[in-house]
């Protein structure tokens, strides 16, 4: 099995995300699991801020995201989700994306997403993009070598998402902001294997130019609001473009992580995070 789904403790995972419905390889299950995963497991890069490696083996992912009730970033989240879907019986393909999100130049392929087949269609799934990411799967268009029009425009909760295809064949996932469409990332249908994500993860979690090793990034998507904590700056954004913003002090960091993102660090880790980040802030 590509994603080691046979090693998964699926009962523990389903309890972690609060899913009590059926688990069979159809779209209703895929949608329910995607929404529940995004709601329960936040995006975060705190292991890097704590000076630790980011292992991607399934045992480590289950220990962190399921048993410790922590979050993770794209590779951790989507590798775990791929194992879950494979265990249930879905056909899952790994893909890679170039993040745009306001970039002024074309970036390397450093993001992971999934193509999943269900009910005779291909679905774009991504539980690991953070606050602006999808709440549930979005149609990708086509099955196998038969491709439909890839243009999509869907509403998920209070948010709007779309996929467009550019002249070079790249597909672009975008979300609607108050001032118009905002590109999140571009991708192709080239298959990526678990070993590819190991290489991407090494760069993203260790390279001096990686944005993820510079400051804490914690994010959570929800149907009505998007929450982000970047460094010490907390933002809660609504679909109409309004937002509440404030700085989080070192003294309240632990409380904010629990209240806003559902992340409860132990006392030693919280103290180390404060020392590592706030001392140099």
Protein backbone atom coordinates (compact mmCIF):
# COMPACT_ATOMS: atom_id res chain seq x y z
CA UNK A 1 0.00 0.00 0.00
CA UNK A 2 1.40 3.40 -1.02
CA UNK A 3 0.34 5.29 2.11
CA UNK A 4 0.73 2.50 4.73
CA UNK A 5 -2.95 2.53 5.52
CA UNK A 6 -2.71 -0.96 6.97
CA UNK A 7 -0.65 0.49 9.86
CA UNK A 8 -3.30 3.03 10.79
CA UNK A 9 -5.23 2.98 14.06
CA UNK A 10 -8.39 4.11 12.31
CA UNK A 11 -10.57 4.00 15.43
CA UNK A 12 -8.25 6.43 17.20
CA UNK A 13 -8.19 8.72 14.16
CA UNK A 14 -11.99 8.76 13.84
CA UNK A 15 -12.30 9.55 17.54
CA UNK A 16 -9.76 12.37 17.16
CA UNK A 17 -11.81 14.08 14.44
CA UNK A 18 -15.17 13.22 16.00
CA UNK A 19 -16.49 11.20 13.05
CA UNK A 20 -19.23 8.74 13.99
CA UNK A 21 -20.75 8.03 10.58
CA UNK A 22 -20.08 5.33 8.02
CA UNK A 23 -16.64 4.81 6.51
CA UNK A 24 -16.92 3.50 2.99
CA UNK A 25 -15.22 4.68 -0.20
CA UNK A 26 -17.92 7.05 -1.43
CA UNK A 27 -18.13 10.84 -1.70
CA UNK A 28 -20.35 11.31 1.35
CA UNK A 29 -17.67 9.67 3.52
CA UNK A 30 -14.86 11.61 1.81
CA UNK A 31 -16.63 14.93 2.36
CA UNK A 32 -17.47 14.16 5.99
CA UNK A 33 -13.92 13.07 6.84
CA UNK A 34 -12.37 16.08 5.08
CA UNK A 35 -14.59 18.56 6.95
CA UNK A 36 -14.08 16.82 10.29
CA UNK A 37 -10.29 16.64 9.86
CA UNK A 38 -9.99 20.34 9.01
CA UNK A 39 -12.21 21.28 11.96
CA UNK A 40 -10.30 19.15 14.46
CA UNK A 41 -6.63 19.28 13.48
CA UNK A 42 -5.02 22.75 13.10
CA UNK A 43 -2.14 23.78 10.88
CA UNK A 44 1.05 24.45 12.87
CA UNK A 45 4.85 24.45 12.59
CA UNK A 46 5.72 24.40 16.29
CA UNK A 47 8.09 21.42 16.10
CA UNK A 48 10.41 23.55 13.97
CA UNK A 49 10.19 26.39 16.48
CA UNK A 50 11.10 23.90 19.20
CA UNK A 51 14.19 22.82 17.26
CA UNK A 52 12.91 19.35 16.43
CA UNK A 53 12.79 17.37 13.18
CA UNK A 54 9.48 16.73 11.43
CA UNK A 55 9.25 12.95 10.82
CA UNK A 56 6.74 11.77 8.24
CA UNK A 57 6.43 8.07 9.04
CA UNK A 58 2.89 7.06 9.91
CA UNK A 59 3.78 6.03 13.47
CA UNK A 60 5.10 9.53 14.20
CA UNK A 61 2.15 11.21 12.50
CA UNK A 62 -0.38 9.22 14.50
CA UNK A 63 1.47 9.88 17.74
CA UNK A 64 1.57 13.63 17.18
CA UNK A 65 -1.66 14.48 15.37
CA UNK A 66 -3.90 11.80 16.86
CA UNK A 67 -2.63 10.77 20.30
CA UNK A 68 -1.06 14.08 21.38
CA UNK A 69 -3.91 16.08 19.77
CA UNK A 70 -1.42 18.38 18.05
CA UNK A 71 -1.55 19.84 14.55
CA UNK A 72 0.89 19.79 11.67
CA UNK A 73 1.68 21.27 8.30
CA UNK A 74 0.83 20.04 4.81
CA UNK A 75 2.93 16.87 4.58
CA UNK A 76 1.95 15.67 8.04
CA UNK A 77 -1.73 16.37 7.56
CA UNK A 78 -2.15 15.06 4.03
CA UNK A 79 0.04 11.98 4.54
CA UNK A 80 -2.11 11.01 7.52
CA UNK A 81 -5.29 11.71 5.54
CA UNK A 82 -3.99 9.67 2.59
CA UNK A 83 -3.39 6.69 4.90
CA UNK A 84 -6.93 7.03 6.28
CA UNK A 85 -8.49 7.14 2.82
CA UNK A 86 -6.38 4.24 1.56
CA UNK A 87 -7.39 2.17 4.59
CA UNK A 88 -11.07 2.79 3.80
CA UNK A 89 -10.62 1.83 0.16
CA UNK A 90 -10.27 5.07 -1.80
CA UNK A 91 -7.85 5.44 -4.71
CA UNK A 92 -5.46 8.21 -3.60
CA UNK A 93 -2.75 9.97 -5.62
CA UNK A 94 -0.27 12.46 -4.17
CA UNK A 95 0.29 15.74 -6.02
CA UNK A 96 2.61 18.72 -5.60
CA UNK A 97 1.92 22.45 -5.81
CA UNK A 98 3.71 25.77 -6.09
CA UNK A 99 2.31 28.12 -3.46
CA UNK A 100 1.33 31.54 -4.78
CA UNK A 101 -0.48 33.34 -1.93
CA UNK A 102 0.81 36.78 -2.87
CA UNK A 103 4.24 35.66 -4.15
CA UNK A 104 6.01 38.02 -6.56
CA UNK A 105 7.93 35.20 -8.30
CA UNK A 106 7.30 31.54 -9.15
CA UNK A 107 8.15 29.30 -6.22
CA UNK A 108 9.37 25.72 -6.04
CA UNK A 109 7.00 22.78 -5.61
CA UNK A 110 6.76 22.54 -1.82
CA UNK A 111 3.10 21.89 -1.05
CA UNK A 112 1.27 18.55 -0.90
CA UNK A 113 -2.31 17.89 -1.95
CA UNK A 114 -4.28 14.79 -2.92
CA UNK A 115 -6.31 13.53 -5.86
CA UNK A 116 -8.99 11.11 -4.68
CA UNK A 117 -11.46 9.09 -6.74
CA UNK A 118 -15.00 8.71 -5.40
CA UNK A 119 -18.37 8.11 -7.03
CA UNK A 120 -16.85 8.12 -10.51
CA UNK A 121 -15.15 11.53 -10.19
CA UNK A 122 -11.79 12.96 -9.25
CA UNK A 123 -11.68 15.19 -6.17
CA UNK A 124 -9.10 17.75 -5.13
CA UNK A 125 -8.52 17.15 -1.39
CA UNK A 126 -6.24 19.15 0.89
CA UNK A 127 -6.53 19.15 4.68
CA UNK A 128 -3.12 20.80 5.15
CA UNK A 129 -3.15 24.32 3.71
CA UNK A 130 -4.20 26.17 6.83
CA UNK A 131 -6.68 28.98 7.34
CA UNK A 132 -7.43 29.69 3.67
CA UNK A 133 -7.55 26.03 2.71
CA UNK A 134 -10.49 23.94 1.56
CA UNK A 135 -13.08 22.83 4.08
CA UNK A 136 -14.13 19.91 1.91
CA UNK A 137 -13.18 18.32 -1.45
CA UNK A 138 -13.65 20.27 -4.65
CA UNK A 139 -14.30 18.60 -8.04
CA UNK A 140 -11.12 18.21 -10.07
CA UNK A 141 -12.80 17.23 -13.34
CA UNK A 142 -12.66 13.91 -15.14
CA UNK A 143 -11.68 10.34 -14.32
CA UNK A 144 -8.62 8.60 -15.71
CA UNK A 145 -7.74 10.02 -19.13
CA UNK A 146 -11.17 11.58 -19.67
CA UNK A 147 -11.09 15.21 -18.61
CA UNK A 148 -14.07 17.51 -18.16
CA UNK A 149 -13.92 21.29 -17.97
CA UNK A 150 -11.71 21.85 -14.92
CA UNK A 151 -13.16 25.25 -14.08
CA UNK A 152 -14.89 25.04 -10.71
CA UNK A 153 -16.57 27.60 -8.48
CA UNK A 154 -18.01 26.35 -5.19
CA UNK A 155 -19.11 27.73 -1.85
CA UNK A 156 -18.01 26.02 1.37
CA UNK A 157 -19.55 27.55 4.48
CA UNK A 158 -19.24 31.30 4.00
CA UNK A 159 -16.20 30.98 1.72
CA UNK A 160 -15.91 30.66 -2.04
CA UNK A 161 -13.26 28.58 -3.80
CA UNK A 162 -12.47 28.02 -7.44
CA UNK A 163 -10.17 26.09 -9.75
CA UNK A 164 -9.11 27.50 -13.13
CA UNK A 165 -6.75 26.05 -15.71
CA UNK A 166 -4.08 28.29 -17.22
CA UNK A 167 -2.64 28.15 -20.74
CA UNK A 168 0.37 26.10 -19.61
CA UNK A 169 -1.93 23.40 -18.21
CA UNK A 170 -1.44 24.28 -14.55
CA UNK A 171 -4.53 24.28 -12.37
CA UNK A 172 -4.88 27.10 -9.86
CA UNK A 173 -6.81 26.84 -6.60
CA UNK A 174 -8.08 30.22 -5.46
CA UNK A 175 -10.33 31.67 -2.83
CA UNK A 176 -12.46 34.78 -2.90
CA UNK A 177 -11.41 37.77 -0.83
CA UNK A 178 -13.48 40.89 -0.34
CA UNK A 179 -11.58 42.56 -3.23
CA UNK A 180 -11.71 39.59 -5.63
CA UNK A 181 -10.15 36.21 -6.33
CA UNK A 182 -6.85 35.35 -4.60
CA UNK A 183 -4.60 32.58 -5.94
CA UNK A 184 -3.54 30.02 -3.32
CA UNK A 185 -1.43 27.60 -5.34
CA UNK A 186 -0.87 26.04 -8.76
CA UNK A 187 -0.49 22.33 -9.44
CA UNK A 188 -0.41 19.67 -12.14
CA UNK A 189 -1.56 16.05 -12.14
CA UNK A 190 2.00 14.67 -12.03
CA UNK A 191 2.02 11.90 -9.43
CA UNK A 192 4.21 12.38 -6.36
CA UNK A 193 5.37 9.54 -4.14
CA UNK A 194 5.95 9.52 -0.37
CA UNK A 195 9.72 9.81 -0.92
CA UNK A 196 9.14 13.07 -2.84
CA UNK A 197 7.51 14.58 0.23
CA UNK A 198 10.46 13.50 2.39
CA UNK A 199 12.69 15.65 0.16
CA UNK A 200 10.24 18.57 0.17
CA UNK A 201 9.85 18.30 3.93
CA UNK A 202 13.60 18.42 4.47
CA UNK A 203 13.84 21.71 2.58
CA UNK A 204 10.74 23.24 4.12
CA UNK A 205 11.63 22.32 7.70
CA UNK A 206 15.39 23.06 7.63
CA UNK A 207 16.45 25.44 4.85
CA UNK A 208 17.40 28.96 6.01
CA UNK A 209 15.17 30.48 3.32
CA UNK A 210 12.10 28.53 4.36
CA UNK A 211 9.45 30.77 5.90
CA UNK A 212 8.43 27.98 8.28
CA UNK A 213 11.61 28.07 10.37
CA UNK A 214 11.50 31.79 11.10
CA UNK A 215 8.43 32.19 13.31
CA UNK A 216 5.45 30.25 14.64
CA UNK A 217 2.62 29.80 12.15
CA UNK A 218 -0.64 28.40 13.51
CA UNK A 219 -3.84 28.47 11.47
CA UNK A 220 -7.36 27.11 11.59
CA UNK A 221 -10.10 27.13 8.96
CA UNK A 222 -13.77 27.20 9.87
CA UNK A 223 -17.02 27.79 7.94
CA UNK A 224 -17.45 31.34 9.29
CA UNK A 225 -13.95 32.62 10.23
CA UNK A 226 -10.27 32.04 9.53
CA UNK A 227 -7.83 32.19 12.44
CA UNK A 228 -4.09 32.76 12.10
CA UNK A 229 -1.26 33.33 14.57
CA UNK A 230 1.92 34.36 12.77
CA UNK A 231 4.69 35.22 15.18
CA UNK A 232 2.83 36.97 17.97
CA UNK A 233 0.18 38.49 15.66
CA UNK A 234 -3.31 36.95 15.96
CA UNK A 235 -5.87 37.61 13.21
CA UNK A 236 -9.49 36.46 12.96
CA UNK A 237 -10.83 37.13 9.45
CA UNK A 238 -14.42 37.06 8.21
CA UNK A 239 -15.71 36.53 4.64
CA UNK A 240 -16.62 40.20 4.20
CA UNK A 241 -12.96 41.14 4.66
CA UNK A 242 -13.28 42.52 8.17
CA UNK A 243 -10.93 41.19 10.80
CA UNK A 244 -9.90 41.45 14.43
CA UNK A 245 -6.18 41.75 15.01
CA UNK A 246 -3.99 41.93 18.08
CA UNK A 247 -0.61 40.91 19.42
CA UNK A 248 -0.36 37.96 21.80
CA UNK A 249 1.95 38.37 24.78
CA UNK A 250 4.28 35.65 25.99
CA UNK A 251 2.22 35.30 29.17
CA UNK A 252 -0.99 34.45 27.29
CA UNK A 253 0.49 32.35 24.48
CA UNK A 254 -0.42 28.98 25.98
CA UNK A 255 -4.00 30.06 26.65
CA UNK A 256 -4.42 31.43 23.10
CA UNK A 257 -3.10 28.22 21.56
CA UNK A 258 -5.73 26.23 23.46
CA UNK A 259 -8.66 28.62 23.02
CA UNK A 260 -8.19 29.61 19.39
CA UNK A 261 -6.50 26.54 17.90
CA UNK A 262 -7.09 23.59 20.23
CA UNK A 263 -3.34 23.06 20.78
CA UNK A 264 -2.29 22.28 24.33
CA UNK A 265 1.49 22.24 24.77
CA UNK A 266 3.01 20.82 27.91
CA UNK A 267 4.62 23.32 30.27
CA UNK A 268 8.18 22.62 29.10
CA UNK A 269 7.32 23.00 25.41
CA UNK A 270 5.37 26.19 26.03
CA UNK A 271 8.27 27.67 27.97
CA UNK A 272 10.74 26.67 25.24
CA UNK A 273 8.54 28.17 22.53
CA UNK A 274 8.35 31.44 24.44
CA UNK A 275 12.10 31.43 24.99
CA UNK A 276 12.88 30.58 21.37
CA UNK A 277 10.45 33.00 19.76
CA UNK A 278 9.83 35.89 22.12
CA UNK A 279 13.49 36.25 23.09
CA UNK A 280 14.29 37.02 19.47
CA UNK A 281 11.08 38.78 18.54
